[in-house]
Protein backbone atom coordinates (compact mmCIF):
# COMPACT_ATOMS: atom_id res chain seq x y z
CA UNK A 1 140.47 46.29 45.08
CA UNK A 2 140.94 42.82 46.54
CA UNK A 3 139.64 39.56 45.11
CA UNK A 4 139.93 36.12 46.69
CA UNK A 5 139.53 33.47 44.03
CA UNK A 6 138.50 30.00 45.21
CA UNK A 7 138.64 28.23 41.87
CA UNK A 8 135.04 27.08 42.28
CA UNK A 9 133.61 30.07 40.47
CA UNK A 10 132.13 29.52 37.01
CA UNK A 11 131.26 32.80 35.33
CA UNK A 12 129.89 32.95 31.76
CA UNK A 13 132.50 34.25 29.33
CA UNK A 14 132.41 33.92 25.56
CA UNK A 15 135.75 34.92 24.08
CA UNK A 16 134.71 35.33 20.43
CA UNK A 17 137.03 38.18 19.42
CA UNK A 18 138.92 36.07 16.87
CA UNK A 19 136.13 34.90 14.58
CA UNK A 20 136.64 37.86 12.26
CA UNK A 21 138.84 40.93 11.71
CA UNK A 22 138.19 43.93 9.49
CA UNK A 23 140.24 45.21 6.57
CA UNK A 24 140.42 48.04 4.10
CA UNK A 25 138.91 47.39 0.67
CA UNK A 26 139.80 44.11 -0.91
CA UNK A 27 141.94 45.66 -3.67
CA UNK A 28 144.50 46.75 -1.08
CA UNK A 29 145.31 43.09 -0.45
CA UNK A 30 147.41 43.15 -3.61
CA UNK A 31 149.99 45.37 -1.89
CA UNK A 32 153.11 44.02 -0.19
CA UNK A 33 152.67 46.08 2.99
CA UNK A 34 149.10 44.78 3.39
CA UNK A 35 150.32 41.19 3.24
CA UNK A 36 153.13 41.88 5.71
CA UNK A 37 150.79 43.46 8.24
CA UNK A 38 148.21 40.68 7.96
CA UNK A 39 150.92 38.03 8.14
CA UNK A 40 152.19 39.56 11.39
CA UNK A 41 148.68 39.67 12.86
CA UNK A 42 147.98 36.08 11.87
CA UNK A 43 151.26 34.79 13.26
CA UNK A 44 150.89 36.57 16.60
CA UNK A 45 147.11 36.40 17.13
CA UNK A 46 145.27 34.51 14.40
CA UNK A 47 141.77 35.31 13.16
CA UNK A 48 139.39 32.92 11.38
CA UNK A 49 137.76 35.32 8.91
CA UNK A 50 138.43 38.71 7.33
CA UNK A 51 135.80 41.21 6.16
CA UNK A 52 136.09 44.40 4.16
CA UNK A 53 134.46 46.45 1.41
CA UNK A 54 135.00 46.50 -2.31
CA UNK A 55 134.64 42.91 -3.51
CA UNK A 56 132.82 44.16 -6.60
CA UNK A 57 134.52 47.56 -6.82
CA UNK A 58 136.12 48.32 -10.18
CA UNK A 59 139.70 48.00 -8.89
CA UNK A 60 139.02 44.27 -8.49
CA UNK A 61 137.96 44.25 -12.18
CA UNK A 62 135.48 41.37 -11.82
CA UNK A 63 132.42 42.68 -13.68
CA UNK A 64 132.50 43.76 -17.34
CA UNK A 65 129.92 44.48 -20.02
CA UNK A 66 130.63 44.55 -23.74
CA UNK A 67 128.69 44.78 -27.01
CA UNK A 68 128.70 41.61 -29.06
CA UNK A 69 130.13 42.46 -32.48
CA UNK A 70 127.76 40.22 -34.44
CA UNK A 71 124.46 40.71 -32.60
CA UNK A 72 124.99 44.12 -31.03
CA UNK A 73 123.69 42.64 -27.77
CA UNK A 74 125.16 43.78 -24.42
CA UNK A 75 126.79 40.81 -22.75
CA UNK A 76 128.52 40.24 -19.42
CA UNK A 77 131.89 38.68 -18.70
CA UNK A 78 133.87 38.18 -15.49
CA UNK A 79 137.56 38.55 -14.73
CA UNK A 80 138.84 36.58 -11.73
CA UNK A 81 142.52 37.51 -11.94
CA UNK A 82 142.73 39.80 -8.91
CA UNK A 83 140.15 37.88 -6.89
CA UNK A 84 142.28 34.75 -7.18
CA UNK A 85 145.40 36.64 -6.09
CA UNK A 86 143.66 38.00 -3.02
CA UNK A 87 142.01 34.74 -2.05
CA UNK A 88 145.24 32.80 -2.55
CA UNK A 89 147.02 35.19 -0.17
CA UNK A 90 144.25 34.77 2.41
CA UNK A 91 144.54 31.01 2.11
CA UNK A 92 148.30 31.24 2.59
CA UNK A 93 147.72 33.19 5.81
CA UNK A 94 145.06 30.71 6.99
CA UNK A 95 142.20 33.18 7.04
CA UNK A 96 138.82 32.83 5.32
CA UNK A 97 136.80 35.68 3.84
CA UNK A 98 133.65 36.96 5.50
CA UNK A 99 132.15 38.06 2.20
CA UNK A 100 130.50 41.45 2.01
CA UNK A 101 128.48 41.86 -1.19
CA UNK A 102 129.36 45.36 -2.39
CA UNK A 103 129.92 47.90 -3.74
CA UNK A 104 128.26 48.22 -7.16
CA UNK A 105 130.42 47.81 -10.29
CA UNK A 106 130.25 51.01 -12.35
CA UNK A 107 128.84 49.24 -15.40
CA UNK A 108 126.07 47.64 -13.33
CA UNK A 109 125.23 50.70 -11.22
CA UNK A 110 121.95 52.57 -11.64
CA UNK A 111 123.45 55.95 -10.69
CA UNK A 112 126.77 57.72 -10.14
CA UNK A 113 126.74 58.21 -6.34
CA UNK A 114 130.04 57.11 -4.76
CA UNK A 115 131.72 57.18 -1.36
CA UNK A 116 135.32 57.45 -0.19
CA UNK A 117 138.52 58.51 -1.87
CA UNK A 118 138.38 55.36 -3.98
CA UNK A 119 134.80 56.07 -5.15
CA UNK A 120 132.88 52.96 -4.23
CA UNK A 121 129.51 53.10 -5.99
CA UNK A 122 126.63 52.98 -3.51
CA UNK A 123 123.59 52.72 -5.76
CA UNK A 124 121.30 49.78 -6.54
CA UNK A 125 121.97 47.67 -9.62
CA UNK A 126 120.35 48.81 -12.85
CA UNK A 127 119.34 45.18 -13.44
CA UNK A 128 118.79 42.90 -10.47
CA UNK A 129 119.07 39.77 -12.60
CA UNK A 130 122.63 40.72 -13.52
CA UNK A 131 123.41 41.41 -9.84
CA UNK A 132 122.14 37.97 -8.88
CA UNK A 133 124.16 36.40 -11.67
CA UNK A 134 127.30 38.22 -10.48
CA UNK A 135 126.85 36.82 -6.98
CA UNK A 136 126.29 33.29 -8.22
CA UNK A 137 129.18 33.45 -10.66
CA UNK A 138 131.55 34.69 -7.94
CA UNK A 139 130.60 32.00 -5.44
CA UNK A 140 130.74 29.28 -8.09
CA UNK A 141 134.18 30.44 -9.19
CA UNK A 142 135.43 30.27 -5.60
CA UNK A 143 133.94 26.79 -5.29
CA UNK A 144 135.65 25.67 -8.48
CA UNK A 145 138.98 26.96 -7.20
CA UNK A 146 138.88 26.02 -3.51
CA UNK A 147 136.21 23.34 -3.19
CA UNK A 148 132.59 23.48 -2.08
CA UNK A 149 133.18 22.24 1.47
CA UNK A 150 135.69 25.04 2.00
CA UNK A 151 133.78 27.91 0.39
CA UNK A 152 130.43 27.26 2.09
CA UNK A 153 132.22 28.16 5.32
CA UNK A 154 132.49 31.79 4.12
CA UNK A 155 129.66 33.84 5.69
CA UNK A 156 127.96 36.21 3.25
CA UNK A 157 126.72 39.66 4.28
CA UNK A 158 124.55 41.80 2.02
CA UNK A 159 125.94 45.33 1.63
CA UNK A 160 127.28 47.75 4.26
CA UNK A 161 125.41 50.30 6.41
CA UNK A 162 122.40 50.85 4.13
CA UNK A 163 120.82 53.01 6.84
CA UNK A 164 123.28 55.77 5.90
CA UNK A 165 122.59 57.70 2.67
CA UNK A 166 126.30 57.83 1.89
CA UNK A 167 126.53 54.04 1.80
CA UNK A 168 123.18 53.34 0.12
CA UNK A 169 121.45 55.88 -2.10
CA UNK A 170 118.89 57.84 -0.07
CA UNK A 171 119.16 55.20 2.69
CA UNK A 172 116.20 53.67 0.88
CA UNK A 173 114.99 50.90 3.16
CA UNK A 174 112.59 49.27 0.71
CA UNK A 175 115.24 49.21 -2.01
CA UNK A 176 117.71 47.61 0.38
CA UNK A 177 115.15 44.96 1.30
CA UNK A 178 114.81 44.18 -2.40
CA UNK A 179 118.60 43.95 -2.71
CA UNK A 180 118.72 41.64 0.30
CA UNK A 181 116.01 39.32 -0.99
CA UNK A 182 117.58 38.98 -4.43
CA UNK A 183 121.07 38.54 -2.98
CA UNK A 184 120.16 36.03 -0.27
CA UNK A 185 118.22 33.86 -2.69
CA UNK A 186 121.09 33.95 -5.16
CA UNK A 187 123.52 32.80 -2.45
CA UNK A 188 121.28 29.92 -1.41
CA UNK A 189 120.76 28.92 -5.03
CA UNK A 190 124.49 28.16 -5.21
CA UNK A 191 124.43 26.09 -2.02
CA UNK A 192 121.96 26.09 0.84
CA UNK A 193 124.79 25.59 3.32
CA UNK A 194 126.01 29.18 2.87
CA UNK A 195 125.22 31.41 5.85
CA UNK A 196 123.76 34.71 4.66
CA UNK A 197 122.66 37.76 6.65
CA UNK A 198 122.30 41.50 7.08
CA UNK A 199 121.40 44.34 7.35
CA UNK A 200 124.86 45.56 8.53
CA UNK A 201 123.46 48.80 9.95
CA UNK A 202 125.27 51.17 12.30
CA UNK A 203 124.39 53.67 15.01
CA UNK A 204 121.21 53.65 17.06
CA UNK A 205 119.11 52.27 14.22
CA UNK A 206 117.86 49.02 15.77
CA UNK A 207 114.29 50.00 16.47
CA UNK A 208 113.74 51.22 12.92
CA UNK A 209 115.99 49.15 10.67
CA UNK A 210 116.56 45.80 12.33
CA UNK A 211 112.95 45.42 13.39
CA UNK A 212 111.69 46.36 9.91
CA UNK A 213 114.29 44.10 8.30
CA UNK A 214 113.20 41.09 10.32
CA UNK A 215 109.55 41.83 9.59
CA UNK A 216 110.36 41.92 5.86
CA UNK A 217 112.38 38.70 5.98
CA UNK A 218 109.57 36.98 7.86
CA UNK A 219 106.89 38.19 5.46
CA UNK A 220 108.83 37.34 2.29
CA UNK A 221 110.29 34.09 3.64
CA UNK A 222 113.80 35.29 2.74
CA UNK A 223 116.81 33.23 3.73
CA UNK A 224 118.42 34.58 6.92
CA UNK A 225 121.08 32.85 9.01
CA UNK A 226 122.42 35.76 11.06
CA UNK A 227 121.76 39.38 11.88
CA UNK A 228 124.63 41.83 11.45
CA UNK A 229 125.28 45.36 12.61
CA UNK A 230 128.15 47.71 13.54
CA UNK A 231 129.18 49.46 16.72
CA UNK A 232 131.34 52.49 17.50
CA UNK A 233 131.69 54.27 20.82
CA UNK A 234 132.48 57.93 20.20
CA UNK A 235 130.63 61.18 19.66
CA UNK A 236 130.96 63.36 16.57
CA UNK A 237 134.64 64.33 16.17
CA UNK A 238 136.08 67.83 16.30
CA UNK A 239 138.09 68.23 13.11
CA UNK A 240 141.49 69.90 12.74
CA UNK A 241 143.57 69.58 9.58
CA UNK A 242 143.86 65.94 8.60
CA UNK A 243 142.53 64.67 11.95
CA UNK A 244 139.39 64.18 14.00
CA UNK A 245 139.25 64.23 17.79
CA UNK A 246 136.15 62.42 19.08
CA UNK A 247 135.06 61.98 22.68
CA UNK A 248 134.64 58.42 23.94
CA UNK A 249 131.33 57.28 25.34
CA UNK A 250 131.59 56.78 29.12
CA UNK A 251 132.93 53.28 29.74
CA UNK A 252 129.77 52.28 31.62
CA UNK A 253 127.80 53.01 28.45
CA UNK A 254 130.12 51.48 25.88
CA UNK A 255 127.39 49.09 24.70
CA UNK A 256 124.45 51.46 25.01
CA UNK A 257 123.67 51.53 21.28
CA UNK A 258 123.87 47.72 21.12
CA UNK A 259 121.71 46.95 24.13
CA UNK A 260 118.42 46.61 22.26
CA UNK A 261 119.60 44.40 19.39
CA UNK A 262 119.38 41.05 21.16
CA UNK A 263 115.93 41.81 22.48
CA UNK A 264 114.61 42.84 19.06
CA UNK A 265 115.92 39.68 17.42
CA UNK A 266 114.56 37.47 20.20
CA UNK A 267 111.14 39.14 20.04
CA UNK A 268 110.57 37.25 16.77
CA UNK A 269 109.80 33.59 17.43
CA UNK A 270 111.36 32.65 14.09
CA UNK A 271 114.66 34.37 14.90
CA UNK A 272 114.95 33.88 18.66
CA UNK A 273 118.52 33.01 19.58
CA UNK A 274 119.82 33.75 16.08
CA UNK A 275 123.50 34.68 15.87
CA UNK A 276 124.32 38.37 15.87
CA UNK A 277 127.57 39.30 14.12
CA UNK A 278 128.97 42.76 14.89
CA UNK A 279 130.90 42.94 11.64
CA UNK A 280 132.59 46.23 12.53
CA UNK A 281 133.50 47.75 15.89
CA UNK A 282 136.04 50.17 17.27
CA UNK A 283 136.07 53.27 19.42
CA UNK A 284 135.90 55.93 16.68
CA UNK A 285 134.29 55.41 13.29
CA UNK A 286 136.72 57.66 11.41
CA UNK A 287 140.12 56.48 10.06
CA UNK A 288 141.98 59.59 11.24
CA UNK A 289 141.24 59.62 14.98
CA UNK A 290 144.47 59.65 17.03
CA UNK A 291 142.66 57.82 19.84
CA UNK A 292 143.14 54.61 17.84
CA UNK A 293 146.91 54.88 18.35
CA UNK A 294 146.70 55.49 22.11
CA UNK A 295 146.98 53.29 25.17
CA UNK A 296 143.54 54.61 26.11
CA UNK A 297 142.14 52.69 23.13
CA UNK A 298 143.81 49.49 24.33
CA UNK A 299 142.33 49.74 27.81
CA UNK A 300 138.87 50.67 26.53
CA UNK A 301 138.83 47.73 24.10
CA UNK A 302 140.00 45.40 26.90
CA UNK A 303 136.83 46.25 28.81
CA UNK A 304 134.69 45.70 25.70
CA UNK A 305 136.18 42.30 24.91
CA UNK A 306 135.41 41.05 28.41
CA UNK A 307 131.64 41.22 27.81
CA UNK A 308 131.11 41.56 24.04
CA UNK A 309 130.47 37.84 23.67
CA UNK A 310 127.55 37.85 26.09
CA UNK A 311 125.04 38.73 23.37
CA UNK A 312 127.01 38.48 20.13
CA UNK A 313 128.33 35.48 18.26
CA UNK A 314 131.21 37.52 16.86
CA UNK A 315 132.57 41.07 16.94
CA UNK A 316 135.04 42.10 14.29
CA UNK A 317 137.56 44.81 15.13
CA UNK A 318 137.84 47.40 12.37
CA UNK A 319 140.68 46.87 11.21
CA UNK A 320 143.79 44.67 11.38
CA UNK A 321 146.13 47.24 9.76
CA UNK A 322 146.59 50.87 8.80
CA UNK A 323 146.80 50.36 5.05
CA UNK A 324 143.46 52.05 4.50
CA UNK A 325 142.28 54.76 2.12
CA UNK A 326 138.71 55.84 2.85
CA UNK A 327 139.79 59.46 3.28
CA UNK A 328 142.76 59.16 0.96
CA UNK A 329 146.31 57.97 1.49
CA UNK A 330 147.37 59.00 5.03
CA UNK A 331 149.95 61.78 5.24
CA UNK A 332 151.80 60.39 8.25
CA UNK A 333 152.85 57.19 9.99
CA UNK A 334 150.69 57.65 13.08
CA UNK A 335 147.53 59.19 11.66
CA UNK A 336 144.82 57.68 13.86
CA UNK A 337 144.19 54.74 11.55
CA UNK A 338 141.83 51.95 12.58
CA UNK A 339 144.51 49.27 12.53
CA UNK A 340 145.90 47.06 15.25
CA UNK A 341 149.17 47.48 13.38
CA UNK A 342 150.63 50.74 12.05
CA UNK A 343 152.35 50.94 8.68
CA UNK A 344 155.86 49.59 9.04
CA UNK A 345 154.35 46.61 10.94
CA UNK A 346 154.42 48.43 14.28
CA UNK A 347 151.97 46.89 16.76
CA UNK A 348 149.85 49.50 18.53
CA UNK A 349 148.83 49.09 22.18
CA UNK A 350 145.42 47.69 21.16
CA UNK A 351 147.18 44.90 19.27
CA UNK A 352 148.39 43.57 22.60
CA UNK A 353 144.87 43.67 24.07
CA UNK A 354 143.84 41.14 21.41
CA UNK A 355 147.08 39.19 21.87
CA UNK A 356 146.36 38.88 25.60
CA UNK A 357 142.76 37.78 25.05
CA UNK A 358 143.97 35.12 22.64
CA UNK A 359 146.21 33.79 25.45
CA UNK A 360 143.12 33.50 27.67
CA UNK A 361 141.63 31.06 25.15
CA UNK A 362 144.60 28.70 25.42
CA UNK A 363 144.17 25.86 27.95
CA UNK A 364 140.90 27.53 28.92
CA UNK A 365 138.77 25.73 31.51
CA UNK A 366 136.43 28.39 32.90
CA UNK A 367 136.15 32.01 33.93
CA UNK A 368 136.49 32.67 37.67
CA UNK A 369 136.40 36.48 37.86
CA UNK A 370 135.01 39.21 35.62
CA UNK A 371 134.40 42.84 36.47
CA UNK A 372 134.96 46.35 35.12
CA UNK A 373 138.74 46.17 35.69
CA UNK A 374 139.80 42.58 35.13
CA UNK A 375 139.01 39.11 33.93
CA UNK A 376 140.58 35.87 35.22
CA UNK A 377 140.29 32.35 33.86
CA UNK A 378 141.37 29.00 35.21
CA UNK A 379 143.47 26.84 32.89
CA UNK A 380 143.36 23.11 32.35
CA UNK A 381 146.74 22.70 34.08
CA UNK A 382 145.41 24.24 37.30
CA UNK A 383 146.92 27.68 36.80
CA UNK A 384 145.26 31.04 36.28
CA UNK A 385 145.51 33.68 33.57
CA UNK A 386 144.05 37.13 33.52
CA UNK A 387 143.95 40.61 32.08
CA UNK A 388 143.59 43.81 34.07
CA UNK A 389 143.11 47.35 32.76
CA UNK A 390 142.72 50.91 33.95
CA UNK A 391 140.65 53.15 31.67
CA UNK A 392 141.42 56.82 32.29
CA UNK A 393 139.37 58.69 29.66
CA UNK A 394 140.20 62.08 31.14
CA UNK A 395 143.97 61.38 31.15
CA UNK A 396 144.09 62.45 34.77
CA UNK A 397 146.98 60.16 35.66
CA UNK A 398 144.93 57.99 37.99
CA UNK A 399 146.20 54.62 39.20
CA UNK A 400 144.38 51.57 40.47
CA UNK A 401 145.66 48.61 42.46
CA UNK A 402 144.47 45.03 42.29
CA UNK A 403 145.21 42.31 44.83
CA UNK A 404 144.27 38.78 43.86
CA UNK A 405 144.72 35.54 45.76
CA UNK A 406 144.47 32.07 44.28
CA UNK A 407 143.95 28.53 45.62
CA UNK A 408 147.57 27.57 45.00
CA UNK A 409 150.31 26.54 47.41
CA UNK A 410 151.85 29.50 49.21
CA UNK A 411 155.18 28.93 47.47
CA UNK A 412 156.68 27.25 44.42
CA UNK A 413 154.61 29.32 41.99
CA UNK A 414 155.70 31.19 38.88
CA UNK A 415 154.28 34.60 38.05
CA UNK A 416 154.49 36.14 34.57
CA UNK A 417 153.25 39.63 33.73
CA UNK A 418 153.21 41.45 30.42
CA UNK A 419 152.50 45.16 30.77
CA UNK A 420 151.35 47.69 28.20
CA UNK A 421 151.06 51.25 29.42
CA UNK A 422 152.02 54.76 28.41
CA UNK A 423 155.56 54.40 29.77
CA UNK A 424 156.67 50.95 28.63
CA UNK A 425 154.74 50.25 25.41
CA UNK A 426 153.74 53.46 23.69
CA UNK A 427 155.12 53.77 20.15
CA UNK A 428 153.03 56.90 19.59
CA UNK A 429 155.01 58.73 22.28
CA UNK A 430 158.32 57.44 20.90
CA UNK A 431 157.35 58.65 17.41
CA UNK A 432 156.49 62.05 18.91
CA UNK A 433 159.80 62.21 20.80
CA UNK A 434 161.72 61.34 17.63
CA UNK A 435 160.15 64.32 15.85
CA UNK A 436 156.86 63.00 14.41
CA UNK A 437 158.47 62.20 11.08
CA UNK A 438 155.76 61.38 8.55
CA UNK A 439 157.98 58.85 6.82
CA UNK A 440 160.48 57.48 9.37
CA UNK A 441 163.82 56.05 8.32
CA UNK A 442 164.55 52.36 8.61
CA UNK A 443 166.49 53.04 11.81
CA UNK A 444 163.55 54.92 13.30
CA UNK A 445 161.16 52.14 12.31
CA UNK A 446 163.39 49.63 14.10
CA UNK A 447 163.26 51.81 17.22
CA UNK A 448 159.49 52.16 16.99
CA UNK A 449 159.00 48.41 16.68
CA UNK A 450 161.31 47.83 19.65
CA UNK A 451 159.34 50.36 21.70
CA UNK A 452 156.04 48.65 20.87
CA UNK A 453 156.62 45.54 22.99
CA UNK A 454 155.09 44.76 26.40
CA UNK A 455 157.29 44.89 29.48
CA UNK A 456 157.79 41.26 30.55
CA UNK A 457 158.45 40.43 34.19
CA UNK A 458 158.74 37.10 35.96
CA UNK A 459 159.12 36.13 39.59
CA UNK A 460 158.93 33.25 42.01
CA UNK A 461 155.62 33.93 43.63
CA UNK A 462 153.36 33.17 46.52
CA UNK A 463 149.69 32.54 45.75
CA UNK A 464 148.97 36.27 45.62
CA UNK A 465 149.36 38.95 42.95
CA UNK A 466 149.66 42.68 43.57
CA UNK A 467 149.18 44.87 40.50
CA UNK A 468 149.55 48.62 40.18
CA UNK A 469 148.03 49.86 36.95
CA UNK A 470 148.92 53.32 35.77
CA UNK A 471 146.83 55.44 33.43
CA UNK A 472 145.39 53.35 30.57
CA UNK A 473 147.46 50.28 31.38
CA UNK A 474 146.61 46.78 30.19
CA UNK A 475 148.36 43.93 32.00
CA UNK A 476 148.34 40.23 31.24
CA UNK A 477 149.26 37.92 34.11
CA UNK A 478 149.74 34.20 34.54
CA UNK A 479 150.31 32.33 37.79
CA UNK A 480 150.81 28.60 38.15
CA UNK A 481 152.55 25.98 40.22
CA UNK A 482 156.16 25.60 39.08
CA UNK A 483 158.43 23.81 41.56
CA UNK A 484 162.16 24.27 40.91
CA UNK A 485 163.74 21.21 39.28
CA UNK A 486 167.45 22.02 39.17
CA UNK A 487 170.09 20.09 37.32
CA UNK A 488 172.68 18.35 39.51
CA UNK A 489 175.11 20.92 40.86
CA UNK A 490 173.21 23.97 39.63
CA UNK A 491 172.37 26.45 42.40
CA UNK A 492 170.78 29.64 41.13
CA UNK A 493 171.09 31.36 44.52
CA UNK A 494 174.90 31.24 44.19
CA UNK A 495 174.57 33.47 41.12
CA UNK A 496 172.57 36.22 42.79
């Protein structure tokens, strides 16, 4: 494939991958390893917001009921100890919460249905007034601690995947609409500047859920600032032991289940053009799918990030790290976790996909090339940066070549490439070769981290780039004018 770039191209490209990142339940943020993984991600990439479950789960210990000794009346009190610890750590790492209202505190729940190893309650509140008061009290406490101008920047999403009976009792649509109305009004009662939205559905549920949700919001005049939903790109997994092995959707259909969302939202005059937040996305929707640890995942996500921003204000990768317990505590280091970073702070190949896209946003002027295998942008200093990938879902060993020419002088250019593929940046393979130890030694962890780095190459270049991408490779490249400016008496050619 050959591409001749003139520099006059101006192709739409919205690089919104860094607005939000996903996380395991909020209570995990109290652990040292969680902080270390998020710190690494923030230092290397940097996300604006973080979203996860469990704000009101009992391990955060916020909601309590007790019987008044004198009157015998049931009263409510709140405990902010753990919430403050978590929020302080987020503030230290320069990341703001994208608040998900859920799950139901045990003492406020109307039933006993739970989900996950950690038993998040997924039933409506027994008293909606107390639910509304909990929301208002939480937001007001955050305002008291961090200031109103800061806290109103935290988007608020009502619940998680209510279209699934596991996440919302009986997948009761009317009951969810009631929850949304009460919640959204409570949020706006604290401050109208808060952005609130939903319904955070997943799967091919647009025609039923999102359409009905918007009709309800319109009819009831509910507050709504954004529409949210989730997106995963695999079939049902085949299970074996602790693991699931799903098949990826064909790359040409990676957005098939999302295609109708924008049209549905825009079909309502009141909501036309409204922001759509994809508050969870990944390839597989299970936290034990080895594909998440593979170079294939990195290449597939590289394709998705090139076009995700066309119709969506944000798209939040699920998740930043592997400290995650939906199915229980993982038995092994590489267990197919959602994270960009494995336990032990080992960056997976997909981590570098996000790292490379963040580099595209620096000195960004405009996009000059975008197709199914690469994206190239022009920088404000007259150079060019790009990412190329080769998705090989069948693991056939196929290669592709890319030849790109740029409107630069034929000499005096510098070319930088950073390559991630199955040979040069594949910690999963290294872990396998070392014996697949569930709990590697410190020495092995050092080796794994060393093996998880891109291969960096530089050269004095003409105005052309020739790339050979092996199976599931992702390659960042940067070419710019860089005339040699040697110190007096220094001749590099004498050294080589």
